[in-house]
Amino acid sequence: MNSEILGIILMFFLTVSLAIPLGRYIGKLFSNEKTWLDKILNPIDNIFYKLSGINPEKEMNWKQHLLALLTINLVWFLAAMFVLTNMSWLPLDPDNNPSMSGDLAFNTAVSFVTNTNLQHYSGETGISYLGQLTLMLWQFISAGCGMAAAAIVFTAMKEKTTDKLGNFYFFFVRSCTRILFPIAVVVASLLAFNGTPMTFEGKDTITNLQGDKVEVSRGPVAAFVAIKHLGTNGGGFFGPNSAHPLENPNYFTNIVEIVTQMLIPLAMIFAMGYILRRRKLAWTIFGVMTIGFLLLMIPTVISETGGNPAISNMGISQTMGNMEGKEIRFGSAASAYWSIATTVISTGSINSMHDSFMPISGMNQLLGMMVNCFYGGVGVGFLNFYIFIILAVFISGLMVGRTPEFLGKKIEAKEMKIAMMIALLHPFLILAGTAIASYTYAGNPETYASWLNNPGFHGFSEMLYEFTSSSANNGSGFEGLGDNTPFWNIACGIVMLMARYLPIIGPVAIAGSLAAKKYIPESAGTLKTDTSTFGLMVFAVIALVAALSFFPALGLGPIAEYFSI
């Protein structure tokens, strides 16, 4: 068990040690400073600009940035719908997998375009290789859009008074060609050399030890898995995701995948510090996020390594901890660490079945998505945290009797209204969706019997988890839920759309509004936002919003289940 804990410590500190220099590199890219890859990649970037008719030097205001982001996402959504509903006659389908129904294709296309990657299908049987490659492209695109949105906010925070915030396509292309693609190539190579398939051949037929012939699915798995983690996408090539031995063959690949999915969200914090030349602010934000992460991760590891008390009461030894739904090659501790990392980061990939975790662990997984700003997804994690910074600055200003200011800009009613709308949107989508689903099921449980394999407290948690995962753009699930139905496909699709774009529009609008205001130099009375005191204030605001919004629902689900064991 001690070696398992040391493995967790190794994975976290390895991530941080890589994120700091990567953050500096990302900061240079977004600041248009020279980097060592310029000579190689400048010509490639210029090809994209020339073919697209884009002038990367043309400055945009915040509204033009959002129009560009929403337009290209709409185009990619329509392209994804076409491919997914016509896979049966399109090329690259050696296993003859069928096309998707309209409602499932809608859910899947929305899911990948919004960086959620909620999968109501099993990858090896539900989609062709062309479909997998199409979704793999969206994993680059959605992550690049999130990083570009964060770059817009960083630029707005840096400028004293302006309405010009760089060029969206410049940020987007650089995110894809100079960050996502090079790192994905390295990660895919490591996975391929350790047993993850990378082929376009169809299923392979093998004879097992019992003498039975078994068909084993394969495909371009290594490339898919690399970007799914790097872009905090999370969609699995296979149904069991990274619990599948071909997606995640051994403990080394487990380390590679967990470090990869946490890498850019952490690096974006340090990139912000580099762009703003405010390293202390970056470390303050990193500290708040890390405290939140540890408060969720440590109890989960303790809960899972301690085993299931119901099994202990039967006189059965659990020296390996609660191993239901977990892989022996990873163990209970590494699985618990992954489960919190993937829900806090909003990747949503799994290396064990979250549905089989202990109730307290399930609650912590839910809280990671409900808070949705402890590291968070690529780019958008910081945008969510930015909303809480605005709220904390405003509350702090009221407490000390000063006009709220952040980085030399006054926060006024307009910014606060937007911030409050975005802060309340997340719990509204989760709780309203869960309420509708609960009412529908309770009103006619026979008709909707396929929804829940575990009625009662855990069944409620399954429905709560699905909407929480959709709203957090996470994509993981309590897989006791039968979710491939028109209700879940359409309802979750609507939630994913609203939860992706409104929380991007809100922070970008706030940042653009503040950037256009007159800059006020710091004075002795200016509220310092790079101190531990302010960090504590931000954490308190986050905890208060989460507690008030979600505790009743958690009380009906995992907390009630815990006391029923």
Protein backbone atom coordinates (compact mmCIF):
# COMPACT_ATOMS: atom_id res chain seq x y z
CA MET A 1 0.00 0.00 0.00
CA ASN A 2 2.90 2.36 0.73
CA SER A 3 4.14 1.92 -2.84
CA GLU A 4 0.67 2.87 -4.14
CA ILE A 5 0.73 6.11 -2.15
CA LEU A 6 4.25 6.85 -3.40
CA GLY A 7 2.92 6.31 -6.93
CA ILE A 8 0.25 8.97 -6.38
CA ILE A 9 2.81 11.44 -5.03
CA LEU A 10 5.09 10.73 -8.00
CA MET A 11 2.30 11.35 -10.51
CA PHE A 12 1.28 14.68 -8.96
CA PHE A 13 4.77 16.13 -8.59
CA LEU A 14 5.76 14.93 -12.06
CA THR A 15 2.75 16.79 -13.44
CA VAL A 16 3.64 20.02 -11.62
CA SER A 17 7.32 19.83 -12.62
CA LEU A 18 6.30 19.54 -16.29
CA ALA A 19 3.48 22.11 -16.09
CA ILE A 20 5.71 24.98 -14.92
CA PRO A 21 8.01 25.07 -18.00
CA LEU A 22 5.10 24.25 -20.31
CA GLY A 23 3.19 27.20 -18.85
CA ARG A 24 6.10 29.50 -19.65
CA TYR A 25 6.18 28.13 -23.21
CA ILE A 26 2.40 28.64 -23.63
CA GLY A 27 2.77 32.17 -22.29
CA LYS A 28 5.41 32.91 -24.93
CA LEU A 29 3.19 31.50 -27.68
CA PHE A 30 0.19 33.61 -26.75
CA SER A 31 2.40 36.69 -26.30
CA ASN A 32 3.81 36.10 -29.80
CA GLU A 33 7.36 35.80 -28.50
CA LYS A 34 9.98 33.70 -30.26
CA THR A 35 10.15 29.98 -29.45
CA TRP A 36 12.37 27.18 -30.70
CA LEU A 37 9.56 25.68 -32.83
CA ASP A 38 8.93 28.86 -34.85
CA LYS A 39 11.21 27.97 -37.77
CA ILE A 40 9.48 24.60 -38.18
CA LEU A 41 5.87 25.54 -37.55
CA ASN A 42 5.56 29.11 -38.86
CA PRO A 43 5.30 27.83 -42.48
CA ILE A 44 2.65 25.29 -41.43
CA ASP A 45 0.61 27.94 -39.63
CA ASN A 46 0.86 30.20 -42.66
CA ILE A 47 -0.57 27.45 -44.87
CA PHE A 48 -3.66 27.28 -42.63
CA TYR A 49 -4.03 31.06 -42.70
CA LYS A 50 -3.62 31.26 -46.47
CA LEU A 51 -6.09 28.44 -47.21
CA SER A 52 -8.63 29.95 -44.82
CA GLY A 53 -8.18 33.54 -45.94
CA ILE A 54 -7.31 34.59 -42.39
CA ASN A 55 -5.16 37.54 -41.41
CA PRO A 56 -3.72 36.51 -38.00
CA GLU A 57 -2.52 40.06 -37.33
CA LYS A 58 -6.02 41.55 -37.47
CA GLU A 59 -7.07 42.55 -33.96
CA MET A 60 -10.53 41.52 -32.70
CA ASN A 61 -12.74 42.80 -29.90
CA TRP A 62 -14.37 40.34 -27.53
CA LYS A 63 -17.58 40.10 -29.58
CA GLN A 64 -15.67 39.24 -32.76
CA HIS A 65 -13.73 36.57 -30.86
CA LEU A 66 -16.93 34.92 -29.71
CA LEU A 67 -18.50 35.10 -33.17
CA ALA A 68 -15.47 33.33 -34.66
CA LEU A 69 -15.55 30.63 -31.97
CA LEU A 70 -19.27 29.94 -32.27
CA THR A 71 -19.23 29.95 -36.08
CA ILE A 72 -16.51 27.37 -36.50
CA ASN A 73 -18.03 25.19 -33.77
CA LEU A 74 -21.35 25.20 -35.66
CA VAL A 75 -19.62 24.14 -38.88
CA TRP A 76 -17.82 21.27 -37.12
CA PHE A 77 -21.01 20.17 -35.40
CA LEU A 78 -22.81 19.83 -38.75
CA ALA A 79 -19.86 17.91 -40.23
CA ALA A 80 -19.84 15.54 -37.25
CA MET A 81 -23.58 14.91 -37.60
CA PHE A 82 -23.13 13.97 -41.25
CA VAL A 83 -20.34 11.47 -40.56
CA LEU A 84 -22.00 9.83 -37.56
CA THR A 85 -25.36 9.31 -39.29
CA ASN A 86 -23.77 7.88 -42.46
CA MET A 87 -20.93 5.67 -41.19
CA SER A 88 -22.41 2.45 -42.62
CA TRP A 89 -21.68 3.47 -46.25
CA LEU A 90 -18.66 5.72 -45.68
CA PRO A 91 -15.10 4.29 -45.86
CA LEU A 92 -12.91 2.98 -43.00
CA ASP A 93 -15.49 0.64 -41.49
CA PRO A 94 -13.79 -2.79 -41.55
CA ASP A 95 -15.97 -4.13 -38.71
CA ASN A 96 -19.22 -3.02 -40.40
CA ASN A 97 -20.40 -0.94 -37.46
CA PRO A 98 -23.78 0.72 -38.10
CA SER A 99 -24.62 4.41 -38.43
CA MET A 100 -25.97 6.20 -35.37
CA SER A 101 -29.59 7.14 -34.85
CA GLY A 102 -30.43 10.84 -35.04
CA ASP A 103 -30.73 11.39 -31.29
CA LEU A 104 -27.53 9.46 -30.50
CA ALA A 105 -25.62 11.29 -33.26
CA PHE A 106 -26.87 14.62 -31.87
CA ASN A 107 -25.68 13.72 -28.39
CA THR A 108 -22.30 12.46 -29.65
CA ALA A 109 -21.63 15.40 -31.96
CA VAL A 110 -22.55 17.91 -29.26
CA SER A 111 -20.51 15.94 -26.75
CA PHE A 112 -17.26 16.05 -28.74
CA VAL A 113 -17.64 19.57 -30.10
CA THR A 114 -18.18 20.84 -26.53
CA ASN A 115 -15.15 18.94 -25.11
CA THR A 116 -17.48 16.79 -22.98
CA ASN A 117 -17.12 13.42 -24.75
CA LEU A 118 -20.06 11.89 -22.94
CA GLN A 119 -20.49 8.56 -24.70
CA HIS A 120 -23.88 6.86 -24.85
CA TYR A 121 -22.37 4.17 -27.10
CA SER A 122 -19.52 1.64 -26.89
CA GLY A 123 -16.67 2.72 -29.14
CA GLU A 124 -15.58 -0.65 -30.52
CA THR A 125 -19.10 -1.63 -31.65
CA GLY A 126 -20.87 1.72 -32.08
CA ILE A 127 -18.63 3.65 -34.42
CA SER A 128 -16.41 3.14 -37.49
CA TYR A 129 -12.74 4.09 -37.80
CA LEU A 130 -13.77 7.13 -39.85
CA GLY A 131 -16.11 8.11 -37.02
CA GLN A 132 -13.28 7.66 -34.50
CA LEU A 133 -10.93 9.80 -36.60
CA THR A 134 -13.62 12.47 -36.97
CA LEU A 135 -14.12 12.55 -33.22
CA MET A 136 -10.35 12.61 -32.73
CA LEU A 137 -10.22 15.77 -34.88
CA TRP A 138 -12.92 17.38 -32.71
CA GLN A 139 -10.78 16.57 -29.67
CA PHE A 140 -8.08 18.84 -31.08
CA ILE A 141 -10.59 21.49 -32.14
CA SER A 142 -12.56 21.71 -28.89
CA ALA A 143 -9.39 21.82 -26.79
CA GLY A 144 -7.89 24.48 -29.07
CA CYS A 145 -11.04 26.60 -28.71
CA GLY A 146 -10.88 26.37 -24.93
CA MET A 147 -7.24 27.44 -24.91
CA ALA A 148 -7.94 30.30 -27.33
CA ALA A 149 -10.79 31.53 -25.09
CA ALA A 150 -8.43 31.54 -22.10
CA ALA A 151 -5.81 33.43 -24.16
CA ILE A 152 -8.42 36.13 -24.91
CA VAL A 153 -9.09 36.60 -21.18
CA PHE A 154 -5.34 36.63 -20.40
CA THR A 155 -4.85 39.34 -23.02
CA ALA A 156 -7.72 41.39 -21.59
CA MET A 157 -6.29 41.08 -18.09
CA LYS A 158 -2.87 42.23 -19.30
CA GLU A 159 -3.95 45.33 -21.24
CA LYS A 160 -4.50 48.61 -19.44
CA THR A 161 -7.20 50.16 -21.67
CA THR A 162 -8.16 48.64 -25.03
CA ASP A 163 -10.93 46.88 -26.92
CA LYS A 164 -8.48 44.94 -29.13
CA LEU A 165 -7.72 41.53 -27.68
CA GLY A 166 -5.60 39.77 -30.29
CA ASN A 167 -6.83 37.39 -32.97
CA PHE A 168 -8.90 34.29 -32.19
CA TYR A 169 -7.54 32.26 -35.11
CA PHE A 170 -3.96 33.10 -34.11
CA PHE A 171 -4.56 31.73 -30.60
CA PHE A 172 -6.51 28.74 -31.90
CA VAL A 173 -4.05 27.62 -34.57
CA ARG A 174 -1.06 28.03 -32.26
CA SER A 175 -2.82 25.99 -29.56
CA CYS A 176 -3.34 23.12 -32.00
CA THR A 177 -0.07 23.11 -33.96
CA ARG A 178 2.42 24.11 -31.27
CA ILE A 179 0.96 22.62 -28.08
CA LEU A 180 -1.61 19.90 -28.66
CA PHE A 181 -0.18 18.18 -31.74
CA PRO A 182 3.52 17.90 -30.71
CA ILE A 183 2.74 16.64 -27.21
CA ALA A 184 0.08 14.26 -28.56
CA VAL A 185 2.66 12.71 -30.92
CA VAL A 186 5.02 12.06 -28.00
CA VAL A 187 2.26 10.58 -25.82
CA ALA A 188 0.87 8.42 -28.64
CA SER A 189 4.37 7.07 -29.32
CA LEU A 190 4.85 6.13 -25.65
CA LEU A 191 1.49 4.35 -25.64
CA ALA A 192 2.13 2.52 -28.92
CA PHE A 193 5.52 1.25 -27.72
CA ASN A 194 3.82 -0.09 -24.58
CA GLY A 195 1.14 -2.15 -26.28
CA THR A 196 -1.63 0.24 -27.28
CA PRO A 197 -2.78 -0.63 -30.86
CA MET A 198 -2.22 1.76 -33.75
CA THR A 199 -3.64 0.17 -36.88
CA PHE A 200 -6.43 0.52 -39.44
CA GLU A 201 -7.00 -3.23 -39.71
CA GLY A 202 -10.27 -4.68 -38.43
CA LYS A 203 -10.85 -7.07 -35.55
CA ASP A 204 -8.21 -9.71 -34.88
CA THR A 205 -9.17 -13.32 -34.14
CA ILE A 206 -7.26 -15.05 -31.36
CA THR A 207 -7.56 -18.38 -29.56
CA ASN A 208 -7.68 -18.06 -25.78
CA LEU A 209 -6.36 -20.51 -23.18
CA GLN A 210 -9.67 -22.39 -23.19
CA GLY A 211 -9.38 -22.99 -26.91
CA ASP A 212 -12.20 -20.60 -27.82
CA LYS A 213 -11.84 -18.20 -30.74
CA VAL A 214 -12.34 -14.56 -29.72
CA GLU A 215 -12.57 -11.44 -31.88
CA VAL A 216 -10.57 -8.56 -30.44
CA SER A 217 -11.33 -4.99 -31.53
CA ARG A 218 -8.44 -2.69 -32.39
CA GLY A 219 -7.78 0.43 -34.46
CA PRO A 220 -5.90 3.76 -34.29
CA VAL A 221 -6.16 3.66 -30.49
CA ALA A 222 -2.82 5.23 -29.43
CA ALA A 223 -3.43 8.48 -31.34
CA PHE A 224 -7.01 8.72 -30.05
CA VAL A 225 -6.06 8.12 -26.42
CA ALA A 226 -3.23 10.66 -26.52
CA ILE A 227 -5.38 13.63 -27.51
CA LYS A 228 -8.35 12.48 -25.43
CA HIS A 229 -6.23 13.03 -22.33
CA LEU A 230 -4.10 15.95 -23.45
CA GLY A 231 -7.15 18.00 -24.46
CA THR A 232 -9.13 16.93 -21.35
CA ASN A 233 -11.63 15.35 -23.73
CA GLY A 234 -11.94 11.90 -22.18
CA GLY A 235 -13.79 9.95 -24.86
CA GLY A 236 -12.69 6.31 -24.89
CA PHE A 237 -11.86 4.38 -28.05
CA PHE A 238 -13.30 1.34 -26.24
CA GLY A 239 -16.38 1.21 -24.04
CA PRO A 240 -14.47 0.63 -20.75
CA ASN A 241 -12.25 3.64 -21.59
CA SER A 242 -8.82 3.58 -19.92
CA ALA A 243 -9.83 0.56 -17.83
CA HIS A 244 -9.48 -1.42 -21.10
CA PRO A 245 -6.10 -3.22 -21.34
CA LEU A 246 -5.53 -1.99 -24.91
CA GLU A 247 -6.16 1.66 -23.99
CA ASN A 248 -4.12 1.51 -20.80
CA PRO A 249 -1.95 -1.63 -20.74
CA ASN A 250 0.16 -1.16 -17.58
CA TYR A 251 1.11 1.08 -14.67
CA PHE A 252 3.57 3.07 -16.80
CA THR A 253 0.91 3.97 -19.35
CA ASN A 254 -1.38 4.81 -16.43
CA ILE A 255 1.21 7.36 -15.23
CA VAL A 256 1.59 8.74 -18.76
CA GLU A 257 -2.17 9.18 -19.18
CA ILE A 258 -2.85 10.75 -15.78
CA VAL A 259 0.05 13.19 -16.14
CA THR A 260 -1.05 14.04 -19.68
CA GLN A 261 -4.63 14.89 -18.72
CA MET A 262 -3.55 17.15 -15.85
CA LEU A 263 -0.68 18.81 -17.70
CA ILE A 264 -2.25 21.67 -19.69
CA PRO A 265 -4.87 22.72 -17.09
CA LEU A 266 -2.03 23.26 -14.59
CA ALA A 267 0.22 24.84 -17.21
CA MET A 268 -2.44 27.40 -18.15
CA ILE A 269 -2.24 28.85 -14.63
CA PHE A 270 1.49 29.46 -15.00
CA ALA A 271 0.95 30.74 -18.56
CA MET A 272 -1.38 33.37 -17.13
CA GLY A 273 1.30 34.38 -14.62
CA TYR A 274 3.87 34.71 -17.41
CA ILE A 275 1.63 36.78 -19.71
CA LEU A 276 0.57 39.14 -16.92
CA ARG A 277 4.04 39.17 -15.34
CA ARG A 278 2.33 38.26 -12.07
CA ARG A 279 3.91 35.02 -10.89
CA LYS A 280 2.66 35.50 -7.33
CA LEU A 281 -0.96 35.70 -8.56
CA ALA A 282 -0.44 32.49 -10.52
CA TRP A 283 0.91 30.69 -7.46
CA THR A 284 -1.99 32.00 -5.36
CA ILE A 285 -4.51 30.60 -7.85
CA PHE A 286 -2.56 27.34 -8.10
CA GLY A 287 -2.58 27.07 -4.30
CA VAL A 288 -6.35 27.53 -4.03
CA MET A 289 -6.99 24.98 -6.76
CA THR A 290 -4.54 22.48 -5.24
CA ILE A 291 -6.09 22.75 -1.78
CA GLY A 292 -9.49 22.03 -3.31
CA PHE A 293 -8.08 19.10 -5.26
CA LEU A 294 -6.39 17.58 -2.21
CA LEU A 295 -9.52 17.97 -0.05
CA LEU A 296 -11.37 15.80 -2.56
CA MET A 297 -8.58 13.39 -3.43
CA ILE A 298 -7.26 12.42 0.02
CA PRO A 299 -10.62 11.27 1.51
CA THR A 300 -11.32 9.33 -1.69
CA VAL A 301 -8.01 7.47 -1.51
CA ILE A 302 -8.61 6.71 2.18
CA SER A 303 -12.15 5.52 1.48
CA GLU A 304 -11.16 3.20 -1.37
CA THR A 305 -8.03 1.75 0.26
CA GLY A 306 -10.05 1.07 3.43
CA GLY A 307 -12.41 -1.27 1.61
CA ASN A 308 -16.15 -1.81 1.79
CA PRO A 309 -17.45 -2.21 5.38
CA ALA A 310 -20.31 -4.41 4.18
CA ILE A 311 -17.77 -6.90 2.82
CA SER A 312 -15.62 -6.65 5.97
CA ASN A 313 -18.69 -7.50 8.06
CA MET A 314 -18.90 -10.76 6.10
CA GLY A 315 -15.43 -11.70 7.38
CA ILE A 316 -13.76 -11.23 3.98
CA SER A 317 -10.29 -9.69 3.98
CA GLN A 318 -9.76 -6.58 1.84
CA THR A 319 -6.01 -6.06 1.97
CA MET A 320 -6.14 -4.40 -1.47
CA GLY A 321 -9.00 -2.10 -0.54
CA ASN A 322 -12.31 -1.77 -2.38
CA MET A 323 -11.46 -3.53 -5.65
CA GLU A 324 -14.97 -3.78 -7.11
CA GLY A 325 -14.87 -2.28 -10.60
CA LYS A 326 -11.10 -1.71 -10.47
CA GLU A 327 -8.16 -3.17 -12.35
CA ILE A 328 -5.55 -5.22 -10.44
CA ARG A 329 -2.74 -3.61 -12.45
CA PHE A 330 -3.60 -0.19 -10.99
CA GLY A 331 -4.94 -0.95 -7.51
CA SER A 332 -7.41 0.96 -5.36
CA ALA A 333 -5.20 3.97 -4.56
CA ALA A 334 -4.18 4.84 -8.14
CA SER A 335 -7.78 4.29 -9.28
CA ALA A 336 -9.06 6.64 -6.57
CA TYR A 337 -6.47 9.28 -7.53
CA TRP A 338 -7.47 9.03 -11.19
CA SER A 339 -11.19 9.30 -10.36
CA ILE A 340 -10.73 12.67 -8.64
CA ALA A 341 -8.20 13.98 -11.14
CA THR A 342 -10.51 13.17 -14.05
CA THR A 343 -13.56 14.78 -12.43
CA VAL A 344 -11.70 17.86 -11.17
CA ILE A 345 -9.85 18.35 -14.47
CA SER A 346 -13.07 17.65 -16.44
CA THR A 347 -11.41 15.01 -18.61
CA GLY A 348 -13.97 12.38 -17.72
CA SER A 349 -11.85 9.40 -18.72
CA ILE A 350 -11.86 6.46 -16.32
CA ASN A 351 -9.50 3.64 -15.37
CA SER A 352 -12.12 2.08 -13.06
CA MET A 353 -15.90 2.09 -12.77
CA HIS A 354 -17.03 5.13 -10.75
CA ASP A 355 -20.39 3.44 -10.19
CA SER A 356 -18.61 0.89 -7.95
CA PHE A 357 -16.84 3.38 -5.69
CA MET A 358 -17.85 3.93 -2.06
CA PRO A 359 -20.56 6.59 -1.48
CA ILE A 360 -18.13 9.18 -0.06
CA SER A 361 -15.86 8.69 -3.06
CA GLY A 362 -18.82 9.14 -5.41
CA MET A 363 -19.75 12.34 -3.58
CA ASN A 364 -16.22 13.69 -4.02
CA GLN A 365 -16.31 12.86 -7.72
CA LEU A 366 -19.58 14.76 -7.98
CA LEU A 367 -18.19 17.71 -6.02
CA GLY A 368 -15.19 17.92 -8.32
CA MET A 369 -17.56 18.45 -11.25
CA MET A 370 -20.01 20.61 -9.31
CA VAL A 371 -17.28 23.07 -8.33
CA ASN A 372 -15.76 22.74 -11.81
CA CYS A 373 -12.86 25.16 -11.25
CA PHE A 374 -10.16 23.25 -9.34
CA TYR A 375 -7.82 23.15 -12.38
CA GLY A 376 -10.79 22.37 -14.65
CA GLY A 377 -10.67 21.65 -18.38
CA VAL A 378 -8.18 22.96 -20.91
CA GLY A 379 -8.65 26.75 -20.91
CA VAL A 380 -12.19 26.77 -19.57
CA GLY A 381 -11.07 25.68 -16.10
CA PHE A 382 -9.44 29.05 -15.61
CA LEU A 383 -12.50 30.81 -17.08
CA ASN A 384 -14.68 29.20 -14.41
CA PHE A 385 -12.21 30.22 -11.70
CA TYR A 386 -12.15 33.75 -13.16
CA ILE A 387 -15.87 34.07 -12.37
CA PHE A 388 -15.20 33.25 -8.72
CA ILE A 389 -12.34 35.78 -8.65
CA ILE A 390 -14.76 38.48 -9.81
CA LEU A 391 -17.28 37.47 -7.13
CA ALA A 392 -14.60 37.37 -4.43
CA VAL A 393 -13.23 40.80 -5.41
CA PHE A 394 -16.72 42.29 -5.29
CA ILE A 395 -17.56 40.76 -1.90
CA SER A 396 -14.17 41.73 -0.49
CA GLY A 397 -14.66 45.30 -1.69
CA LEU A 398 -18.01 45.50 0.08
CA MET A 399 -16.49 44.10 3.27
CA VAL A 400 -13.77 46.78 3.45
CA GLY A 401 -15.93 49.59 2.09
CA ARG A 402 -14.00 50.14 -1.17
CA THR A 403 -14.98 50.10 -4.83
CA PRO A 404 -14.11 46.59 -6.06
CA GLU A 405 -11.10 46.59 -8.40
CA PHE A 406 -9.27 43.77 -10.14
CA LEU A 407 -5.95 44.42 -11.89
CA GLY A 408 -6.66 48.15 -12.02
CA LYS A 409 -10.23 47.94 -13.34
CA LYS A 410 -13.43 48.71 -11.44
CA ILE A 411 -15.93 45.87 -11.19
CA GLU A 412 -19.40 47.32 -11.54
CA ALA A 413 -22.99 46.13 -11.82
CA LYS A 414 -22.65 44.92 -15.42
CA GLU A 415 -19.78 42.56 -14.64
CA MET A 416 -21.42 41.31 -11.45
CA LYS A 417 -24.69 40.50 -13.22
CA ILE A 418 -22.86 38.42 -15.82
CA ALA A 419 -20.75 36.69 -13.16
CA MET A 420 -23.79 35.78 -11.06
CA MET A 421 -25.69 34.46 -14.08
CA ILE A 422 -22.78 32.18 -15.01
CA ALA A 423 -22.22 31.08 -11.40
CA LEU A 424 -25.91 30.11 -11.04
CA LEU A 425 -26.22 28.51 -14.49
CA HIS A 426 -24.19 25.43 -13.53
CA PRO A 427 -26.31 24.38 -10.51
CA PHE A 428 -29.51 25.26 -12.40
CA LEU A 429 -28.68 22.91 -15.28
CA ILE A 430 -27.67 20.08 -12.94
CA LEU A 431 -30.51 20.33 -10.44
CA ALA A 432 -33.28 21.12 -12.93
CA GLY A 433 -32.23 18.25 -15.19
CA THR A 434 -32.05 15.80 -12.27
CA ALA A 435 -35.44 16.95 -11.00
CA ILE A 436 -37.08 16.39 -14.39
CA ALA A 437 -35.50 12.95 -14.74
CA SER A 438 -36.50 11.95 -11.19
CA TYR A 439 -40.08 13.12 -11.73
CA THR A 440 -40.29 11.25 -15.04
CA TYR A 441 -38.97 8.02 -13.55
CA ALA A 442 -41.04 8.21 -10.38
CA GLY A 443 -44.19 8.91 -12.39
CA ASN A 444 -43.86 5.78 -14.51
CA PRO A 445 -41.06 3.47 -13.30
CA GLU A 446 -42.22 0.53 -15.43
CA THR A 447 -41.88 2.47 -18.68
CA TYR A 448 -38.46 3.82 -17.71
CA ALA A 449 -37.23 0.71 -15.89
CA SER A 450 -34.22 0.46 -18.21
CA TRP A 451 -32.89 3.77 -16.88
CA LEU A 452 -31.77 2.52 -13.48
CA ASN A 453 -30.05 -0.74 -12.59
CA ASN A 454 -29.72 0.52 -9.01
CA PRO A 455 -32.92 2.15 -7.70
CA GLY A 456 -33.02 4.02 -4.41
CA PHE A 457 -30.29 6.40 -3.23
CA HIS A 458 -27.73 5.12 -5.71
CA GLY A 459 -30.19 5.33 -8.59
CA PHE A 460 -30.75 8.99 -7.76
CA SER A 461 -26.97 9.46 -7.71
CA GLU A 462 -26.74 7.93 -11.18
CA MET A 463 -29.14 10.51 -12.63
CA LEU A 464 -27.51 13.34 -10.66
CA TYR A 465 -24.09 12.24 -11.92
CA GLU A 466 -25.20 12.19 -15.56
CA PHE A 467 -26.42 15.79 -15.53
CA THR A 468 -23.46 16.92 -13.42
CA SER A 469 -21.07 15.33 -15.90
CA SER A 470 -22.90 16.94 -18.82
CA SER A 471 -22.95 20.40 -17.23
CA ALA A 472 -19.27 20.19 -16.22
CA ASN A 473 -18.29 19.13 -19.77
CA ASN A 474 -16.79 16.05 -18.12
CA GLY A 475 -18.24 12.98 -19.83
CA SER A 476 -17.73 10.30 -17.17
CA GLY A 477 -20.73 8.46 -15.79
CA PHE A 478 -22.19 6.13 -13.18
CA GLU A 479 -22.65 3.38 -15.72
CA GLY A 480 -25.56 1.76 -13.95
CA LEU A 481 -27.65 4.28 -15.89
CA GLY A 482 -29.22 3.17 -19.18
CA ASP A 483 -28.50 6.41 -21.01
CA ASN A 484 -28.84 5.62 -24.73
CA THR A 485 -32.48 6.72 -24.93
CA PRO A 486 -34.02 9.75 -26.66
CA PHE A 487 -34.61 11.45 -23.29
CA TRP A 488 -31.02 11.20 -22.07
CA ASN A 489 -29.47 11.84 -25.50
CA ILE A 490 -31.46 15.03 -26.11
CA ALA A 491 -31.58 16.33 -22.52
CA CYS A 492 -27.84 15.86 -21.97
CA GLY A 493 -27.12 17.34 -25.41
CA ILE A 494 -29.00 20.53 -24.52
CA VAL A 495 -27.25 20.77 -21.15
CA MET A 496 -23.82 20.27 -22.75
CA LEU A 497 -24.43 23.05 -25.27
CA MET A 498 -25.58 25.56 -22.66
CA ALA A 499 -22.90 24.57 -20.15
CA ARG A 500 -20.10 24.88 -22.70
CA TYR A 501 -20.76 28.13 -24.49
CA LEU A 502 -22.43 30.36 -21.89
CA PRO A 503 -19.53 29.92 -19.39
CA ILE A 504 -17.15 30.91 -22.22
CA ILE A 505 -19.25 33.86 -23.36
CA GLY A 506 -19.64 35.21 -19.81
CA PRO A 507 -15.96 35.44 -18.77
CA VAL A 508 -14.88 36.72 -22.20
CA ALA A 509 -17.61 39.41 -22.01
CA ILE A 510 -16.49 40.41 -18.51
CA ALA A 511 -12.82 40.49 -19.52
CA GLY A 512 -13.64 42.54 -22.62
CA SER A 513 -15.72 44.98 -20.59
CA LEU A 514 -12.98 45.43 -17.99
CA ALA A 515 -10.26 45.81 -20.63
CA ALA A 516 -12.10 48.75 -22.19
CA LYS A 517 -12.28 50.62 -18.87
CA LYS A 518 -9.85 53.24 -17.67
CA TYR A 519 -6.85 51.75 -15.89
CA ILE A 520 -6.47 52.77 -12.24
CA PRO A 521 -2.89 52.44 -10.90
CA GLU A 522 -2.49 50.45 -7.72
CA SER A 523 -2.29 52.43 -4.48
CA ALA A 524 -1.90 51.70 -0.79
CA GLY A 525 -5.63 51.07 -0.54
CA THR A 526 -5.81 48.64 -3.49
CA LEU A 527 -7.03 45.15 -2.62
CA LYS A 528 -4.15 42.74 -3.18
CA THR A 529 -5.28 39.69 -5.16
CA ASP A 530 -2.01 37.77 -4.97
CA THR A 531 -2.07 37.10 -1.23
CA SER A 532 -3.04 34.07 0.81
CA THR A 533 -5.83 36.12 2.40
CA PHE A 534 -7.46 36.76 -0.95
CA GLY A 535 -6.88 33.14 -1.94
CA LEU A 536 -8.76 32.08 1.18
CA MET A 537 -11.57 34.47 0.25
CA VAL A 538 -11.89 32.93 -3.23
CA PHE A 539 -11.91 29.43 -1.75
CA ALA A 540 -14.63 30.47 0.72
CA VAL A 541 -16.80 31.85 -2.09
CA ILE A 542 -16.38 28.62 -4.08
CA ALA A 543 -17.19 26.45 -1.05
CA LEU A 544 -20.21 28.58 -0.13
CA VAL A 545 -21.71 28.47 -3.62
CA ALA A 546 -21.13 24.71 -3.90
CA ALA A 547 -22.48 23.96 -0.42
CA LEU A 548 -25.63 26.05 -0.76
CA SER A 549 -26.37 24.81 -4.26
CA PHE A 550 -25.63 21.10 -4.09
CA PHE A 551 -25.78 19.84 -0.50
CA PRO A 552 -29.52 18.97 -0.62
CA ALA A 553 -29.05 16.90 -3.78
CA LEU A 554 -25.96 15.19 -2.35
CA GLY A 555 -27.95 14.48 0.80
CA LEU A 556 -30.55 12.58 -1.26
CA GLY A 557 -27.88 10.59 -3.10
CA PRO A 558 -24.40 9.61 -1.89
CA ILE A 559 -24.75 10.92 1.68
CA ALA A 560 -27.99 8.97 2.24
CA GLU A 561 -26.38 5.90 0.65
CA TYR A 562 -23.40 6.20 3.00
CA PHE A 563 -25.61 6.11 6.08
CA SER A 564 -27.61 3.18 4.69
CA ILE A 565 -24.62 0.85 4.45
